């Protein structure tokens, strides 16, 4: 008997339309901000009627949250790995790798830079998202510095180092968006860590680990 392979169905038309709306909205929010756009504007950019877009997203706020959730879903594997790495140093190395990856996604980096600034307003619909995201991120980085506390200068507490590191990540991202040819975010973050006694040079780590005992 001839065997038949079952091919999993692709996403339906509704799912494809929803994904297109989210992609268009992410680009639009990054370029123009949240407040400057109406749901009708976004519908036109997505090639839909106002009613057609509202079939998928009843409000602009709901669409914004879906844009942010989609970004978090794409990062979820990376975030999940951070607390489970073998050492605090590897967590920090992973954070720098995420920054390196962001240089290949300028649209997403621009979206987060713009919306995180707008979300400083407690009434902004993205405020809870960014509040929780920064709280989680600082906690992860603080735990990494806590593991490496013996390497830190005596005056630098892990919590302070974590706040400085996250602030540096965000500040460098803004500078990179403005002048990508002159800002090497990875080099700057690596230099900051080296300046407080933590090397994330994995080649150096492997050399030390593989050196023969004397």
N, C-alpha and C. Protein backbone atom coordinates (compact mmCIF):
# COMPACT_ATOMS: atom_id res chain seq x y z
N UNK A 1 0.85 -1.20 0.00
CA UNK A 1 0.00 0.00 0.00
C UNK A 1 0.88 1.24 0.00
N UNK A 2 0.53 2.18 -0.83
CA UNK A 2 1.32 3.40 -0.92
C UNK A 2 1.11 4.25 0.33
N UNK A 3 2.22 4.64 0.93
CA UNK A 3 2.12 5.46 2.14
C UNK A 3 1.86 6.91 1.76
N UNK A 4 1.15 7.58 2.62
CA UNK A 4 0.83 8.99 2.39
C UNK A 4 1.34 9.81 3.56
N UNK A 5 2.05 10.85 3.24
CA UNK A 5 2.53 11.74 4.29
C UNK A 5 1.47 12.79 4.57
N UNK A 6 1.27 13.03 5.85
CA UNK A 6 0.33 14.07 6.24
C UNK A 6 1.08 15.39 6.37
N UNK A 7 0.67 16.37 5.64
CA UNK A 7 1.30 17.68 5.67
C UNK A 7 0.50 18.59 6.59
N UNK A 8 1.17 19.15 7.58
CA UNK A 8 0.49 20.03 8.52
C UNK A 8 0.00 21.28 7.78
N UNK A 9 -1.23 21.67 8.01
CA UNK A 9 -1.75 22.86 7.33
C UNK A 9 -1.04 24.11 7.79
N UNK A 10 -0.87 25.05 6.88
CA UNK A 10 -0.26 26.32 7.24
C UNK A 10 -1.27 27.19 7.95
N UNK A 11 -0.83 28.36 8.36
CA UNK A 11 -1.75 29.27 9.05
C UNK A 11 -2.90 29.68 8.13
N UNK A 12 -4.10 29.77 8.70
CA UNK A 12 -5.27 30.15 7.92
C UNK A 12 -5.20 31.60 7.49
N UNK A 13 -6.15 31.98 6.64
CA UNK A 13 -6.15 33.35 6.12
C UNK A 13 -6.29 34.37 7.23
N UNK A 14 -7.12 34.05 8.24
CA UNK A 14 -7.30 34.99 9.34
C UNK A 14 -6.01 35.21 10.11
N UNK A 15 -5.27 34.11 10.34
CA UNK A 15 -4.00 34.22 11.06
C UNK A 15 -2.98 35.00 10.25
N UNK A 16 -2.99 34.79 8.94
CA UNK A 16 -2.05 35.51 8.07
C UNK A 16 -2.36 37.01 8.08
N UNK A 17 -3.65 37.34 8.02
CA UNK A 17 -4.04 38.75 8.05
C UNK A 17 -3.65 39.38 9.38
N UNK A 18 -3.88 38.66 10.47
CA UNK A 18 -3.52 39.17 11.79
C UNK A 18 -2.02 39.41 11.89
N UNK A 19 -1.24 38.47 11.37
CA UNK A 19 0.22 38.62 11.40
C UNK A 19 0.66 39.82 10.58
N UNK A 20 -0.01 40.06 9.43
CA UNK A 20 0.34 41.22 8.59
C UNK A 20 0.02 42.51 9.32
N UNK A 21 -1.11 42.55 9.98
CA UNK A 21 -1.48 43.75 10.74
C UNK A 21 -0.44 44.05 11.81
N UNK A 22 -0.01 43.03 12.54
CA UNK A 22 0.97 43.22 13.61
C UNK A 22 2.29 43.72 13.05
N UNK A 23 2.73 43.15 11.92
CA UNK A 23 3.99 43.57 11.31
C UNK A 23 3.92 45.02 10.84
N UNK A 24 2.81 45.38 10.21
CA UNK A 24 2.63 46.76 9.73
C UNK A 24 2.57 47.72 10.91
N UNK A 25 1.87 47.35 11.96
CA UNK A 25 1.74 48.21 13.13
C UNK A 25 3.08 48.41 13.82
N UNK A 26 3.88 47.34 13.90
CA UNK A 26 5.20 47.45 14.54
C UNK A 26 6.05 48.48 13.81
N UNK A 27 6.03 48.42 12.48
CA UNK A 27 6.81 49.38 11.69
C UNK A 27 6.27 50.80 11.85
N UNK A 28 4.94 50.92 11.86
CA UNK A 28 4.32 52.24 11.96
C UNK A 28 4.56 52.86 13.34
N UNK A 29 4.42 52.07 14.40
CA UNK A 29 4.66 52.58 15.75
C UNK A 29 6.11 53.01 15.92
N UNK A 30 7.03 52.24 15.31
CA UNK A 30 8.45 52.57 15.42
C UNK A 30 8.75 53.90 14.73
N UNK A 31 8.11 54.15 13.60
CA UNK A 31 8.40 55.35 12.83
C UNK A 31 7.65 56.58 13.34
N UNK A 32 6.38 56.40 13.70
CA UNK A 32 5.53 57.56 14.00
C UNK A 32 5.10 57.66 15.46
N UNK A 33 5.34 56.61 16.25
CA UNK A 33 4.88 56.62 17.63
C UNK A 33 3.44 56.15 17.74
N UNK A 34 3.01 55.93 18.97
CA UNK A 34 1.67 55.40 19.21
C UNK A 34 0.59 56.46 19.03
N UNK A 35 0.80 57.62 19.62
CA UNK A 35 -0.25 58.64 19.65
C UNK A 35 -0.54 59.26 18.28
N UNK A 36 0.45 59.23 17.40
CA UNK A 36 0.28 59.91 16.11
C UNK A 36 -0.59 59.12 15.14
N UNK A 37 -0.92 57.89 15.47
CA UNK A 37 -1.63 57.02 14.53
C UNK A 37 -3.02 56.67 15.05
N UNK A 38 -3.95 56.56 14.12
CA UNK A 38 -5.28 56.08 14.47
C UNK A 38 -5.42 54.64 13.96
N UNK A 39 -6.44 53.95 14.45
CA UNK A 39 -6.70 52.61 13.96
C UNK A 39 -7.04 52.64 12.47
N UNK A 40 -7.68 53.71 12.05
CA UNK A 40 -8.01 53.85 10.62
C UNK A 40 -6.73 54.02 9.79
N UNK A 41 -5.75 54.78 10.31
CA UNK A 41 -4.46 54.91 9.62
C UNK A 41 -3.81 53.55 9.44
N UNK A 42 -3.80 52.78 10.51
CA UNK A 42 -3.15 51.47 10.49
C UNK A 42 -3.87 50.52 9.55
N UNK A 43 -5.18 50.61 9.50
CA UNK A 43 -5.95 49.77 8.58
C UNK A 43 -5.54 50.05 7.14
N UNK A 44 -5.44 51.34 6.80
CA UNK A 44 -5.03 51.70 5.44
C UNK A 44 -3.66 51.18 5.09
N UNK A 45 -2.72 51.26 6.02
CA UNK A 45 -1.37 50.77 5.77
C UNK A 45 -1.32 49.26 5.61
N UNK A 46 -2.28 48.58 6.26
CA UNK A 46 -2.32 47.12 6.16
C UNK A 46 -3.18 46.64 4.99
N UNK A 47 -3.74 47.60 4.24
CA UNK A 47 -4.56 47.23 3.09
C UNK A 47 -5.92 46.69 3.48
N UNK A 48 -6.45 47.19 4.61
CA UNK A 48 -7.74 46.72 5.10
C UNK A 48 -8.68 47.90 5.31
N UNK A 49 -9.96 47.60 5.39
CA UNK A 49 -10.91 48.63 5.80
C UNK A 49 -10.80 48.79 7.32
N UNK A 50 -11.34 49.90 7.81
CA UNK A 50 -11.35 50.12 9.25
C UNK A 50 -12.08 48.97 9.96
N UNK A 51 -13.23 48.57 9.40
CA UNK A 51 -14.00 47.48 10.00
C UNK A 51 -13.23 46.16 9.92
N UNK A 52 -12.49 45.98 8.82
CA UNK A 52 -11.72 44.75 8.67
C UNK A 52 -10.64 44.62 9.72
N UNK A 53 -9.95 45.71 10.02
CA UNK A 53 -8.93 45.66 11.07
C UNK A 53 -9.56 45.45 12.43
N UNK A 54 -10.70 46.12 12.68
CA UNK A 54 -11.35 45.99 13.98
C UNK A 54 -11.89 44.58 14.22
N UNK A 55 -12.06 43.83 13.16
CA UNK A 55 -12.46 42.43 13.32
C UNK A 55 -11.37 41.66 14.07
N UNK A 56 -10.11 42.07 13.88
CA UNK A 56 -8.98 41.39 14.54
C UNK A 56 -8.55 42.09 15.82
N UNK A 57 -8.59 43.42 15.81
CA UNK A 57 -8.17 44.20 16.98
C UNK A 57 -9.19 45.31 17.20
N UNK A 58 -9.90 45.20 18.29
CA UNK A 58 -10.99 46.15 18.54
C UNK A 58 -10.50 47.55 18.83
N UNK A 59 -9.28 47.67 19.39
CA UNK A 59 -8.74 48.98 19.75
C UNK A 59 -7.27 49.07 19.36
N UNK A 60 -6.79 50.29 19.27
CA UNK A 60 -5.37 50.51 18.98
C UNK A 60 -4.52 50.00 20.13
N UNK A 61 -5.02 50.12 21.35
CA UNK A 61 -4.28 49.63 22.51
C UNK A 61 -4.09 48.12 22.44
N UNK A 62 -5.13 47.40 22.02
CA UNK A 62 -5.03 45.95 21.90
C UNK A 62 -3.99 45.57 20.85
N UNK A 63 -3.95 46.33 19.77
CA UNK A 63 -2.97 46.06 18.72
C UNK A 63 -1.56 46.34 19.21
N UNK A 64 -1.37 47.43 19.95
CA UNK A 64 -0.04 47.74 20.49
C UNK A 64 0.44 46.62 21.40
N UNK A 65 -0.42 46.14 22.27
CA UNK A 65 -0.02 45.08 23.19
C UNK A 65 0.33 43.80 22.44
N UNK A 66 -0.37 43.54 21.35
CA UNK A 66 -0.04 42.36 20.54
C UNK A 66 1.32 42.53 19.87
N UNK A 67 1.63 43.74 19.42
CA UNK A 67 2.95 44.01 18.84
C UNK A 67 4.05 43.73 19.88
N UNK A 68 3.85 44.21 21.10
CA UNK A 68 4.84 43.99 22.16
C UNK A 68 4.92 42.52 22.55
N UNK A 69 3.77 41.86 22.63
CA UNK A 69 3.76 40.44 22.98
C UNK A 69 4.46 39.61 21.91
N UNK A 70 4.28 40.00 20.65
CA UNK A 70 4.94 39.27 19.56
C UNK A 70 6.44 39.37 19.68
N UNK A 71 6.93 40.56 20.03
CA UNK A 71 8.37 40.73 20.23
C UNK A 71 8.84 39.85 21.40
N UNK A 72 8.06 39.83 22.46
CA UNK A 72 8.45 39.02 23.61
C UNK A 72 8.43 37.53 23.28
N UNK A 73 7.47 37.12 22.45
CA UNK A 73 7.45 35.70 22.06
C UNK A 73 8.70 35.33 21.28
N UNK A 74 9.15 36.25 20.42
CA UNK A 74 10.35 35.97 19.64
C UNK A 74 11.59 35.93 20.51
N UNK A 75 11.54 36.64 21.64
CA UNK A 75 12.66 36.67 22.58
C UNK A 75 12.53 35.67 23.71
N UNK A 76 11.39 34.98 23.77
CA UNK A 76 11.09 34.17 24.96
C UNK A 76 12.14 33.09 25.19
N UNK A 77 12.60 32.47 24.13
CA UNK A 77 13.61 31.42 24.31
C UNK A 77 14.88 32.00 24.89
N UNK A 78 15.29 33.15 24.39
CA UNK A 78 16.50 33.78 24.91
C UNK A 78 16.33 34.18 26.36
N UNK A 79 15.20 34.80 26.71
CA UNK A 79 14.97 35.21 28.09
C UNK A 79 14.91 33.99 29.01
N UNK A 80 14.30 32.90 28.53
CA UNK A 80 14.18 31.70 29.36
C UNK A 80 15.54 31.09 29.66
N UNK A 81 16.48 31.25 28.75
CA UNK A 81 17.81 30.67 28.95
C UNK A 81 18.64 31.46 29.95
N UNK A 82 18.40 32.76 30.07
CA UNK A 82 19.28 33.60 30.89
C UNK A 82 19.46 33.10 32.31
N UNK A 83 18.37 32.80 33.06
CA UNK A 83 18.58 32.41 34.46
C UNK A 83 19.17 31.02 34.61
N UNK A 84 19.23 30.24 33.53
CA UNK A 84 19.66 28.85 33.63
C UNK A 84 21.04 28.60 33.03
N UNK A 85 21.75 29.65 32.71
CA UNK A 85 23.11 29.46 32.21
C UNK A 85 24.00 28.97 33.34
N UNK A 86 25.20 28.52 33.01
CA UNK A 86 26.05 27.91 34.03
C UNK A 86 26.63 28.93 35.00
N UNK A 87 26.77 30.16 34.57
CA UNK A 87 27.39 31.14 35.46
C UNK A 87 26.84 32.53 35.16
N UNK A 88 27.05 33.44 36.12
CA UNK A 88 26.65 34.82 35.91
C UNK A 88 27.35 35.44 34.72
N UNK A 89 28.60 35.06 34.51
CA UNK A 89 29.35 35.60 33.38
C UNK A 89 28.70 35.21 32.05
N UNK A 90 28.19 33.99 31.98
CA UNK A 90 27.53 33.56 30.75
C UNK A 90 26.20 34.28 30.54
N UNK A 91 25.51 34.61 31.62
CA UNK A 91 24.29 35.42 31.50
C UNK A 91 24.63 36.78 30.88
N UNK A 92 25.71 37.38 31.36
CA UNK A 92 26.12 38.68 30.82
C UNK A 92 26.57 38.55 29.37
N UNK A 93 27.25 37.48 29.06
CA UNK A 93 27.66 37.25 27.67
C UNK A 93 26.42 37.10 26.79
N UNK A 94 25.42 36.39 27.31
CA UNK A 94 24.18 36.21 26.54
C UNK A 94 23.48 37.54 26.31
N UNK A 95 23.48 38.41 27.32
CA UNK A 95 22.86 39.72 27.17
C UNK A 95 23.53 40.51 26.05
N UNK A 96 24.83 40.43 25.98
CA UNK A 96 25.56 41.13 24.92
C UNK A 96 25.25 40.50 23.56
N UNK A 97 25.05 39.18 23.53
CA UNK A 97 24.67 38.52 22.28
C UNK A 97 23.30 39.00 21.79
N UNK A 98 22.38 39.23 22.74
CA UNK A 98 21.06 39.76 22.37
C UNK A 98 21.19 41.15 21.75
N UNK A 99 22.05 41.98 22.34
CA UNK A 99 22.30 43.31 21.79
C UNK A 99 22.88 43.20 20.38
N UNK A 100 23.80 42.26 20.20
CA UNK A 100 24.39 42.04 18.88
C UNK A 100 23.31 41.65 17.87
N UNK A 101 22.40 40.79 18.28
CA UNK A 101 21.32 40.37 17.39
C UNK A 101 20.43 41.55 17.03
N UNK A 102 20.22 42.46 17.99
CA UNK A 102 19.34 43.61 17.73
C UNK A 102 19.89 44.52 16.64
N UNK A 103 21.21 44.48 16.41
CA UNK A 103 21.78 45.31 15.35
C UNK A 103 21.34 44.84 13.97
N UNK A 104 20.81 43.62 13.89
CA UNK A 104 20.29 43.11 12.61
C UNK A 104 18.80 43.41 12.46
N UNK A 105 18.19 44.03 13.50
CA UNK A 105 16.76 44.31 13.49
C UNK A 105 16.51 45.77 13.88
N UNK A 106 16.97 46.71 13.05
CA UNK A 106 16.85 48.13 13.43
C UNK A 106 15.41 48.57 13.63
N UNK A 107 14.47 48.00 12.89
CA UNK A 107 13.08 48.39 13.06
C UNK A 107 12.57 48.05 14.45
N UNK A 108 12.91 46.86 14.93
CA UNK A 108 12.48 46.45 16.26
C UNK A 108 13.18 47.27 17.33
N UNK A 109 14.46 47.54 17.13
CA UNK A 109 15.20 48.37 18.09
C UNK A 109 14.59 49.76 18.17
N UNK A 110 14.21 50.31 17.03
CA UNK A 110 13.60 51.64 17.00
C UNK A 110 12.25 51.63 17.70
N UNK A 111 11.48 50.56 17.48
CA UNK A 111 10.18 50.44 18.13
C UNK A 111 10.33 50.50 19.64
N UNK A 112 11.26 49.72 20.17
CA UNK A 112 11.42 49.67 21.62
C UNK A 112 11.99 50.97 22.18
N UNK A 113 12.91 51.58 21.45
CA UNK A 113 13.47 52.85 21.92
C UNK A 113 12.37 53.91 22.00
N UNK A 114 11.52 53.95 20.99
CA UNK A 114 10.47 54.97 20.97
C UNK A 114 9.40 54.69 22.01
N UNK A 115 8.91 53.45 22.04
CA UNK A 115 7.80 53.14 22.93
C UNK A 115 8.21 53.13 24.39
N UNK A 116 9.46 52.74 24.68
CA UNK A 116 9.88 52.74 26.08
C UNK A 116 9.92 54.17 26.62
N UNK A 117 10.27 55.13 25.74
CA UNK A 117 10.23 56.53 26.15
C UNK A 117 8.81 57.01 26.37
N UNK A 118 7.92 56.68 25.44
CA UNK A 118 6.53 57.09 25.57
C UNK A 118 5.88 56.45 26.80
N UNK A 119 6.29 55.23 27.11
CA UNK A 119 5.67 54.48 28.21
C UNK A 119 6.06 55.00 29.58
N UNK A 120 6.94 56.01 29.63
CA UNK A 120 7.22 56.65 30.90
C UNK A 120 5.99 57.32 31.48
N UNK A 121 5.04 57.65 30.61
CA UNK A 121 3.74 58.17 31.04
C UNK A 121 2.93 57.01 31.61
N UNK A 122 2.57 57.10 32.87
CA UNK A 122 1.84 56.01 33.53
C UNK A 122 0.51 55.69 32.87
N UNK A 123 -0.02 56.62 32.09
CA UNK A 123 -1.31 56.39 31.44
C UNK A 123 -1.14 55.78 30.05
N UNK A 124 0.07 55.62 29.60
CA UNK A 124 0.31 55.03 28.28
C UNK A 124 -0.02 53.54 28.35
N UNK A 125 -0.67 53.00 27.31
CA UNK A 125 -1.06 51.58 27.36
C UNK A 125 0.10 50.61 27.46
N UNK A 126 1.30 51.04 27.07
CA UNK A 126 2.46 50.15 27.14
C UNK A 126 3.21 50.26 28.46
N UNK A 127 2.77 51.15 29.34
CA UNK A 127 3.48 51.35 30.61
C UNK A 127 3.62 50.06 31.42
N UNK A 128 2.55 49.30 31.63
CA UNK A 128 2.71 48.06 32.41
C UNK A 128 3.68 47.07 31.77
N UNK A 129 3.64 46.99 30.45
CA UNK A 129 4.54 46.07 29.75
C UNK A 129 5.99 46.42 30.02
N UNK A 130 6.36 47.68 29.84
CA UNK A 130 7.75 48.08 30.02
C UNK A 130 8.15 48.08 31.49
N UNK A 131 7.23 48.42 32.37
CA UNK A 131 7.51 48.37 33.80
C UNK A 131 7.93 46.96 34.20
N UNK A 132 7.15 45.97 33.79
CA UNK A 132 7.46 44.59 34.14
C UNK A 132 8.70 44.09 33.41
N UNK A 133 8.89 44.51 32.18
CA UNK A 133 10.05 44.05 31.41
C UNK A 133 11.35 44.55 32.04
N UNK A 134 11.40 45.81 32.42
CA UNK A 134 12.62 46.34 33.03
C UNK A 134 12.86 45.73 34.41
N UNK A 135 11.80 45.54 35.15
CA UNK A 135 11.95 44.92 36.47
C UNK A 135 12.55 43.51 36.32
N UNK A 136 12.05 42.75 35.36
CA UNK A 136 12.55 41.39 35.13
C UNK A 136 13.99 41.41 34.64
N UNK A 137 14.28 42.33 33.71
CA UNK A 137 15.62 42.39 33.14
C UNK A 137 16.66 42.77 34.19
N UNK A 138 16.35 43.78 35.00
CA UNK A 138 17.30 44.20 36.04
C UNK A 138 17.53 43.06 37.03
N UNK A 139 16.47 42.33 37.38
CA UNK A 139 16.61 41.23 38.32
C UNK A 139 17.53 40.13 37.76
N UNK A 140 17.39 39.84 36.48
CA UNK A 140 18.24 38.82 35.85
C UNK A 140 19.70 39.26 35.84
N UNK A 141 19.93 40.51 35.45
CA UNK A 141 21.31 41.02 35.39
C UNK A 141 21.89 41.15 36.80
N UNK A 142 21.08 41.57 37.76
CA UNK A 142 21.57 41.68 39.14
C UNK A 142 22.02 40.31 39.66
N UNK A 143 21.23 39.27 39.37
CA UNK A 143 21.61 37.92 39.80
C UNK A 143 22.93 37.50 39.17
N UNK A 144 23.14 37.89 37.91
CA UNK A 144 24.41 37.56 37.25
C UNK A 144 25.57 38.27 37.93
N UNK A 145 25.40 39.55 38.23
CA UNK A 145 26.47 40.28 38.91
C UNK A 145 26.69 39.75 40.34
N UNK A 146 25.63 39.28 40.96
CA UNK A 146 25.76 38.72 42.30
C UNK A 146 26.67 37.49 42.27
N UNK A 147 26.51 36.68 41.23
CA UNK A 147 27.37 35.50 41.08
C UNK A 147 28.82 35.90 40.84
N UNK A 148 29.02 37.05 40.22
CA UNK A 148 30.37 37.52 39.91
C UNK A 148 30.83 38.60 40.88
N UNK A 149 30.19 38.69 42.05
CA UNK A 149 30.45 39.78 42.99
C UNK A 149 31.91 39.87 43.40
N UNK A 150 32.60 38.73 43.46
CA UNK A 150 34.00 38.75 43.87
C UNK A 150 34.87 39.50 42.88
N UNK A 151 34.41 39.65 41.63
CA UNK A 151 35.18 40.35 40.61
C UNK A 151 34.90 41.85 40.60
N UNK A 152 33.80 42.27 41.22
CA UNK A 152 33.40 43.67 41.15
C UNK A 152 34.24 44.53 42.09
N UNK A 153 34.44 45.80 41.74
CA UNK A 153 35.09 46.73 42.67
C UNK A 153 34.31 46.77 43.99
N UNK A 154 34.99 47.00 45.07
CA UNK A 154 34.37 46.96 46.40
C UNK A 154 33.21 47.95 46.53
N UNK A 155 33.30 49.08 45.83
CA UNK A 155 32.26 50.11 45.98
C UNK A 155 31.03 49.84 45.13
N UNK A 156 31.07 48.82 44.26
CA UNK A 156 30.00 48.62 43.29
C UNK A 156 29.13 47.42 43.68
N UNK A 157 27.92 47.71 44.14
CA UNK A 157 26.99 46.65 44.52
C UNK A 157 26.39 46.02 43.25
N UNK A 158 26.05 44.73 43.28
CA UNK A 158 25.46 44.06 42.11
C UNK A 158 24.22 44.78 41.58
N UNK A 159 23.38 45.30 42.47
CA UNK A 159 22.17 46.01 42.03
C UNK A 159 22.53 47.27 41.25
N UNK A 160 23.51 48.00 41.75
CA UNK A 160 23.95 49.21 41.07
C UNK A 160 24.56 48.87 39.72
N UNK A 161 25.38 47.83 39.68
CA UNK A 161 25.99 47.41 38.42
C UNK A 161 24.93 47.02 37.41
N UNK A 162 23.88 46.34 37.88
CA UNK A 162 22.80 45.92 36.99
C UNK A 162 22.08 47.12 36.40
N UNK A 163 21.77 48.10 37.24
CA UNK A 163 21.10 49.31 36.76
C UNK A 163 21.98 50.04 35.72
N UNK A 164 23.26 50.13 36.00
CA UNK A 164 24.17 50.80 35.08
C UNK A 164 24.24 50.04 33.76
N UNK A 165 24.31 48.73 33.83
CA UNK A 165 24.45 47.93 32.62
C UNK A 165 23.21 48.04 31.73
N UNK A 166 22.02 47.95 32.35
CA UNK A 166 20.78 48.06 31.57
C UNK A 166 20.65 49.46 30.98
N UNK A 167 21.01 50.49 31.77
CA UNK A 167 20.97 51.86 31.25
C UNK A 167 21.94 52.03 30.08
N UNK A 168 23.11 51.41 30.18
CA UNK A 168 24.09 51.49 29.10
C UNK A 168 23.56 50.79 27.85
N UNK A 169 22.93 49.64 28.02
CA UNK A 169 22.33 48.94 26.88
C UNK A 169 21.35 49.84 26.14
N UNK A 170 20.46 50.49 26.90
CA UNK A 170 19.44 51.32 26.27
C UNK A 170 20.02 52.60 25.67
N UNK A 171 20.93 53.23 26.40
CA UNK A 171 21.54 54.45 25.89
C UNK A 171 22.34 54.22 24.63
N UNK A 172 23.08 53.13 24.61
CA UNK A 172 23.86 52.79 23.41
C UNK A 172 22.94 52.49 22.23
N UNK A 173 21.79 51.87 22.51
CA UNK A 173 20.88 51.56 21.42
C UNK A 173 20.37 52.83 20.75
N UNK A 174 20.05 53.84 21.55
CA UNK A 174 19.61 55.12 20.98
C UNK A 174 20.72 55.74 20.15
N UNK A 175 21.94 55.75 20.68
CA UNK A 175 23.08 56.31 19.94
C UNK A 175 23.32 55.54 18.65
N UNK A 176 23.19 54.20 18.72
CA UNK A 176 23.40 53.37 17.54
C UNK A 176 22.34 53.65 16.47
N UNK A 177 21.09 53.84 16.90
CA UNK A 177 20.03 54.15 15.94
C UNK A 177 20.29 55.48 15.23
N UNK A 178 20.88 56.43 15.97
CA UNK A 178 21.19 57.73 15.38
C UNK A 178 22.41 57.70 14.48
N UNK A 179 23.40 56.87 14.85
CA UNK A 179 24.66 56.85 14.10
C UNK A 179 25.27 55.46 14.13
N UNK A 180 24.67 54.52 13.40
CA UNK A 180 25.11 53.12 13.47
C UNK A 180 26.55 52.89 13.03
N UNK A 181 27.07 53.75 12.17
CA UNK A 181 28.44 53.55 11.68
C UNK A 181 29.49 53.93 12.72
N UNK A 182 29.09 54.69 13.73
CA UNK A 182 30.06 55.18 14.70
C UNK A 182 29.90 54.55 16.09
N UNK A 183 28.88 53.72 16.27
CA UNK A 183 28.60 53.15 17.59
C UNK A 183 28.65 51.62 17.51
N UNK A 184 29.59 51.04 18.23
CA UNK A 184 29.69 49.58 18.33
C UNK A 184 29.18 49.19 19.71
N UNK A 185 27.92 48.81 19.79
CA UNK A 185 27.31 48.52 21.09
C UNK A 185 27.99 47.36 21.79
N UNK A 186 28.31 46.32 21.05
CA UNK A 186 28.93 45.15 21.65
C UNK A 186 30.29 45.50 22.26
N UNK A 187 31.08 46.26 21.52
CA UNK A 187 32.40 46.65 22.02
C UNK A 187 32.29 47.51 23.28
N UNK A 188 31.31 48.43 23.29
CA UNK A 188 31.15 49.30 24.45
C UNK A 188 30.69 48.53 25.69
N UNK A 189 29.75 47.61 25.51
CA UNK A 189 29.28 46.81 26.65
C UNK A 189 30.38 45.90 27.17
N UNK A 190 31.14 45.32 26.25
CA UNK A 190 32.24 44.45 26.65
C UNK A 190 33.30 45.24 27.41
N UNK A 191 33.57 46.47 26.96
CA UNK A 191 34.56 47.33 27.63
C UNK A 191 34.07 47.72 29.02
N UNK A 192 32.77 48.00 29.15
CA UNK A 192 32.23 48.34 30.48
C UNK A 192 32.44 47.17 31.45
N UNK A 193 32.10 45.98 31.00
CA UNK A 193 32.25 44.80 31.87
C UNK A 193 33.72 44.57 32.24
N UNK A 194 34.60 44.73 31.26
CA UNK A 194 36.03 44.55 31.54
C UNK A 194 36.49 45.60 32.56
N UNK A 195 35.94 46.81 32.47
CA UNK A 195 36.33 47.88 33.37
C UNK A 195 35.93 47.64 34.82
N UNK A 196 34.93 46.77 35.03
CA UNK A 196 34.53 46.45 36.41
C UNK A 196 34.97 45.03 36.79
N UNK A 197 35.91 44.48 35.99
CA UNK A 197 36.55 43.23 36.37
C UNK A 197 35.96 41.97 35.82
N UNK A 198 35.06 42.06 34.82
CA UNK A 198 34.42 40.86 34.29
C UNK A 198 34.71 40.74 32.80
N UNK A 199 35.43 39.71 32.42
CA UNK A 199 35.70 39.45 31.01
C UNK A 199 34.68 38.47 30.48
N UNK A 200 34.06 38.78 29.33
CA UNK A 200 33.12 37.85 28.71
C UNK A 200 33.71 37.29 27.41
N UNK A 201 35.02 37.34 27.30
CA UNK A 201 35.71 36.79 26.14
C UNK A 201 35.72 35.28 26.28
N UNK A 202 34.80 34.59 25.55
CA UNK A 202 34.69 33.15 25.69
C UNK A 202 35.94 32.43 25.20
N UNK A 203 36.68 33.04 24.27
CA UNK A 203 37.91 32.43 23.80
C UNK A 203 38.91 32.36 24.94
N UNK A 204 39.00 33.45 25.72
CA UNK A 204 39.91 33.48 26.87
C UNK A 204 39.49 32.44 27.89
N UNK A 205 38.15 32.32 28.10
CA UNK A 205 37.66 31.34 29.06
C UNK A 205 38.04 29.93 28.64
N UNK A 206 37.86 29.62 27.34
CA UNK A 206 38.17 28.27 26.88
C UNK A 206 39.66 28.00 26.99
N UNK A 207 40.49 29.03 26.69
CA UNK A 207 41.93 28.85 26.78
C UNK A 207 42.34 28.50 28.20
N UNK A 208 41.71 29.20 29.17
CA UNK A 208 42.02 28.94 30.57
C UNK A 208 41.58 27.53 30.97
N UNK A 209 40.37 27.14 30.51
CA UNK A 209 39.85 25.84 30.86
C UNK A 209 40.64 24.71 30.24
N UNK A 210 41.17 24.94 29.02
CA UNK A 210 41.83 23.86 28.30
C UNK A 210 43.34 23.83 28.56
N UNK A 211 43.87 24.83 29.30
CA UNK A 211 45.30 24.85 29.56
C UNK A 211 45.69 23.62 30.39
N UNK A 212 46.79 22.93 30.02
CA UNK A 212 47.21 21.75 30.76
C UNK A 212 47.65 22.09 32.16
N UNK A 213 47.38 21.20 33.09
CA UNK A 213 47.80 21.39 34.47
C UNK A 213 49.31 21.30 34.57
N UNK A 214 49.90 22.10 35.47
CA UNK A 214 51.34 22.07 35.62
C UNK A 214 51.72 21.53 36.98
